[in-house]
Amino acid sequence: TYSNEKEIRRSCNKLIKKPISIEPILKQIKPKTKQIKSKKHILEINKNKTYLMKDNHNKLYKIGYSKTPKFRERTLQSEKPSIKMVKVWDYDIEKKLHDLYDEFRVRGEWFRLSKIQIQYICKHF
């Protein structure tokens, strides 16, 4: 792999023994970059958010993380329409919540939590 445009030009010129225009090649291999609007936008792109969802069918709560929790909710709803978002935090506290409520874990990221526990989590985290 080539780390920059100069190396690509040098390599092409060595191969054919005379300078050529490689702009068409560069346009094809340059990575497409998203336009970043602000520093806040950069942080949001790389930041995991923690979410709390409830399955209204079996009354279990899912504690998970995602960069795009609303999208995650829609993907889960495609399998189980009874799932609804309860709360989203703009930071990653998933492991902390998993550890704190481990004894209430049913399977994976699903927990059997009381209304009081949910109120506590939503208020204190």
C-alpha atoms as a PDB file:
ATOM      1  CA  THR A   1       0.000   0.000   0.000  1.00  0.00           C
ATOM      2  CA  TYR A   2       1.064   3.547  -0.604  1.00  0.00           C
ATOM      3  CA  SER A   3       0.921   6.076   2.170  1.00  0.00           C
ATOM      4  CA  ASN A   4       0.661   9.179   0.054  1.00  0.00           C
ATOM      5  CA  GLU A   5       0.223  10.647  -3.389  1.00  0.00           C
ATOM      6  CA  LYS A   6       3.959  11.250  -3.944  1.00  0.00           C
ATOM      7  CA  GLU A   7       4.758   7.564  -3.476  1.00  0.00           C
ATOM      8  CA  ILE A   8       2.071   6.617  -5.975  1.00  0.00           C
ATOM      9  CA  ARG A   9       3.451   9.065  -8.558  1.00  0.00           C
ATOM     10  CA  ARG A  10       7.036   7.834  -7.993  1.00  0.00           C
ATOM     11  CA  SER A  11       6.034   4.188  -8.365  1.00  0.00           C
ATOM     12  CA  CYS A  12       4.045   4.820 -11.541  1.00  0.00           C
ATOM     13  CA  ASN A  13       6.881   6.796 -13.100  1.00  0.00           C
ATOM     14  CA  LYS A  14       9.405   4.023 -12.296  1.00  0.00           C
ATOM     15  CA  LEU A  15       7.181   1.448 -13.939  1.00  0.00           C
ATOM     16  CA  ILE A  16       6.747   3.230 -17.246  1.00  0.00           C
ATOM     17  CA  LYS A  17      10.006   5.248 -17.305  1.00  0.00           C
ATOM     18  CA  LYS A  18       8.257   8.544 -18.043  1.00  0.00           C
ATOM     19  CA  PRO A  19       5.910  10.872 -16.144  1.00  0.00           C
ATOM     20  CA  ILE A  20       2.200  10.363 -16.645  1.00  0.00           C
ATOM     21  CA  SER A  21      -0.961  11.916 -15.256  1.00  0.00           C
ATOM     22  CA  ILE A  22      -2.324   9.732 -12.512  1.00  0.00           C
ATOM     23  CA  GLU A  23      -5.153  12.024 -11.382  1.00  0.00           C
ATOM     24  CA  PRO A  24      -7.824   9.606 -12.681  1.00  0.00           C
ATOM     25  CA  ILE A  25      -6.217   6.801 -10.656  1.00  0.00           C
ATOM     26  CA  LEU A  26      -5.959   8.942  -7.527  1.00  0.00           C
ATOM     27  CA  LYS A  27      -9.626   9.909  -7.749  1.00  0.00           C
ATOM     28  CA  GLN A  28     -10.551   6.242  -7.705  1.00  0.00           C
ATOM     29  CA  ILE A  29      -8.347   5.179  -4.791  1.00  0.00           C
ATOM     30  CA  LYS A  30      -8.567   8.199  -2.474  1.00  0.00           C
ATOM     31  CA  PRO A  31     -10.799   7.302   0.447  1.00  0.00           C
ATOM     32  CA  LYS A  32     -14.153   8.983   0.572  1.00  0.00           C
ATOM     33  CA  THR A  33     -14.322  11.055   3.729  1.00  0.00           C
ATOM     34  CA  LYS A  34     -17.385  12.335   5.514  1.00  0.00           C
ATOM     35  CA  GLN A  35     -17.515  16.050   5.868  1.00  0.00           C
ATOM     36  CA  ILE A  36     -17.057  16.917   9.523  1.00  0.00           C
ATOM     37  CA  LYS A  37     -19.054  19.936  10.619  1.00  0.00           C
ATOM     38  CA  SER A  38     -17.589  20.540  14.078  1.00  0.00           C
ATOM     39  CA  LYS A  39     -15.522  19.075  16.914  1.00  0.00           C
ATOM     40  CA  LYS A  40     -18.778  18.061  18.596  1.00  0.00           C
ATOM     41  CA  HIS A  41     -19.732  16.140  15.436  1.00  0.00           C
ATOM     42  CA  ILE A  42     -16.380  14.270  15.562  1.00  0.00           C
ATOM     43  CA  LEU A  43     -17.054  13.249  19.166  1.00  0.00           C
ATOM     44  CA  GLU A  44     -20.574  12.107  18.313  1.00  0.00           C
ATOM     45  CA  ILE A  45     -19.303   9.921  15.456  1.00  0.00           C
ATOM     46  CA  ASN A  46     -16.950   7.996  17.758  1.00  0.00           C
ATOM     47  CA  LYS A  47     -19.000   7.994  20.942  1.00  0.00           C
ATOM     48  CA  ASN A  48     -20.932   4.988  22.190  1.00  0.00           C
ATOM     49  CA  LYS A  49     -24.202   5.753  23.910  1.00  0.00           C
ATOM     50  CA  THR A  50     -25.877   3.519  26.443  1.00  0.00           C
ATOM     51  CA  TYR A  51     -29.549   2.718  26.035  1.00  0.00           C
ATOM     52  CA  LEU A  52     -32.262   1.113  28.106  1.00  0.00           C
ATOM     53  CA  MET A  53     -35.091  -0.612  26.211  1.00  0.00           C
ATOM     54  CA  LYS A  54     -38.118  -2.492  27.434  1.00  0.00           C
ATOM     55  CA  ASP A  55     -39.801  -5.452  25.796  1.00  0.00           C
ATOM     56  CA  ASN A  56     -43.446  -4.809  26.684  1.00  0.00           C
ATOM     57  CA  HIS A  57     -44.320  -8.402  25.832  1.00  0.00           C
ATOM     58  CA  ASN A  58     -42.134 -10.147  28.454  1.00  0.00           C
ATOM     59  CA  LYS A  59     -41.374  -7.060  30.648  1.00  0.00           C
ATOM     60  CA  LEU A  60     -37.589  -7.520  30.333  1.00  0.00           C
ATOM     61  CA  TYR A  61     -35.174  -4.593  29.956  1.00  0.00           C
ATOM     62  CA  LYS A  62     -32.196  -4.483  27.633  1.00  0.00           C
ATOM     63  CA  ILE A  63     -29.120  -2.518  28.694  1.00  0.00           C
ATOM     64  CA  GLY A  64     -26.866  -2.025  25.708  1.00  0.00           C
ATOM     65  CA  TYR A  65     -24.708   0.454  23.861  1.00  0.00           C
ATOM     66  CA  SER A  66     -24.601   1.759  20.325  1.00  0.00           C
ATOM     67  CA  LYS A  67     -23.375   4.775  18.394  1.00  0.00           C
ATOM     68  CA  THR A  68     -26.900   4.995  16.968  1.00  0.00           C
ATOM     69  CA  PRO A  69     -29.412   3.826  19.609  1.00  0.00           C
ATOM     70  CA  LYS A  70     -32.498   4.835  17.606  1.00  0.00           C
ATOM     71  CA  PHE A  71     -31.307   2.714  14.681  1.00  0.00           C
ATOM     72  CA  ARG A  72     -30.619  -0.152  17.099  1.00  0.00           C
ATOM     73  CA  GLU A  73     -34.162   0.171  18.438  1.00  0.00           C
ATOM     74  CA  ARG A  74     -35.592  -0.091  14.908  1.00  0.00           C
ATOM     75  CA  THR A  75     -33.515  -3.214  14.150  1.00  0.00           C
ATOM     76  CA  LEU A  76     -34.758  -4.894  17.328  1.00  0.00           C
ATOM     77  CA  GLN A  77     -38.337  -3.802  16.600  1.00  0.00           C
ATOM     78  CA  SER A  78     -38.184  -5.536  13.233  1.00  0.00           C
ATOM     79  CA  GLU A  79     -37.895  -8.822  15.152  1.00  0.00           C
ATOM     80  CA  LYS A  80     -40.019  -7.824  18.155  1.00  0.00           C
ATOM     81  CA  PRO A  81     -42.342  -4.835  17.666  1.00  0.00           C
ATOM     82  CA  SER A  82     -43.043  -4.760  21.403  1.00  0.00           C
ATOM     83  CA  ILE A  83     -39.610  -3.225  22.157  1.00  0.00           C
ATOM     84  CA  LYS A  84     -39.562   0.464  23.134  1.00  0.00           C
ATOM     85  CA  MET A  85     -36.748   2.839  24.096  1.00  0.00           C
ATOM     86  CA  VAL A  86     -36.852   3.947  27.739  1.00  0.00           C
ATOM     87  CA  LYS A  87     -33.732   6.123  27.989  1.00  0.00           C
ATOM     88  CA  VAL A  88     -30.492   6.983  26.153  1.00  0.00           C
ATOM     89  CA  TRP A  89     -27.332   8.298  27.809  1.00  0.00           C
ATOM     90  CA  ASP A  90     -24.724  10.166  25.768  1.00  0.00           C
ATOM     91  CA  TYR A  91     -21.923   8.133  27.333  1.00  0.00           C
ATOM     92  CA  ASP A  92     -21.005   4.477  27.763  1.00  0.00           C
ATOM     93  CA  ILE A  93     -22.127   3.131  31.151  1.00  0.00           C
ATOM     94  CA  GLU A  94     -23.264  -0.256  29.892  1.00  0.00           C
ATOM     95  CA  LYS A  95     -20.667  -2.328  31.787  1.00  0.00           C
ATOM     96  CA  LYS A  96     -21.303  -0.404  34.999  1.00  0.00           C
ATOM     97  CA  LEU A  97     -25.041  -1.095  34.779  1.00  0.00           C
ATOM     98  CA  HIS A  98     -24.471  -4.736  33.805  1.00  0.00           C
ATOM     99  CA  ASP A  99     -22.213  -5.233  36.827  1.00  0.00           C
ATOM    100  CA  LEU A 100     -24.583  -3.396  39.177  1.00  0.00           C
ATOM    101  CA  TYR A 101     -27.645  -5.417  38.126  1.00  0.00           C
ATOM    102  CA  ASP A 102     -25.934  -8.729  37.330  1.00  0.00           C
ATOM    103  CA  GLU A 103     -28.104 -10.711  39.765  1.00  0.00           C
ATOM    104  CA  PHE A 104     -31.193  -9.619  37.796  1.00  0.00           C
ATOM    105  CA  ARG A 105     -29.792 -10.766  34.445  1.00  0.00           C
ATOM    106  CA  VAL A 106     -32.045 -13.201  32.587  1.00  0.00           C
ATOM    107  CA  ARG A 107     -29.813 -13.708  29.545  1.00  0.00           C
ATOM    108  CA  GLY A 108     -27.213 -11.667  27.700  1.00  0.00           C
ATOM    109  CA  GLU A 109     -28.121  -7.992  27.987  1.00  0.00           C
ATOM    110  CA  TRP A 110     -31.684  -8.655  29.178  1.00  0.00           C
ATOM    111  CA  PHE A 111     -32.638  -8.009  32.807  1.00  0.00           C
ATOM    112  CA  ARG A 112     -35.739  -8.432  34.968  1.00  0.00           C
ATOM    113  CA  LEU A 113     -35.872  -5.062  36.732  1.00  0.00           C
ATOM    114  CA  SER A 114     -38.523  -3.474  38.917  1.00  0.00           C
ATOM    115  CA  LYS A 115     -40.094  -0.070  38.311  1.00  0.00           C
ATOM    116  CA  ILE A 116     -38.150   1.274  41.297  1.00  0.00           C
ATOM    117  CA  GLN A 117     -34.853   0.038  39.813  1.00  0.00           C
ATOM    118  CA  ILE A 118     -35.710   1.637  36.456  1.00  0.00           C
ATOM    119  CA  GLN A 119     -36.559   4.938  38.159  1.00  0.00           C
ATOM    120  CA  TYR A 120     -33.270   4.810  40.067  1.00  0.00           C
ATOM    121  CA  ILE A 121     -31.229   4.094  36.920  1.00  0.00           C
ATOM    122  CA  CYS A 122     -32.954   6.868  34.952  1.00  0.00           C
ATOM    123  CA  LYS A 123     -32.523   9.407  37.750  1.00  0.00           C
ATOM    124  CA  HIS A 124     -28.990   8.653  38.993  1.00  0.00           C
ATOM    125  CA  PHE A 125     -27.033   7.821  35.845  1.00  0.00           C
END
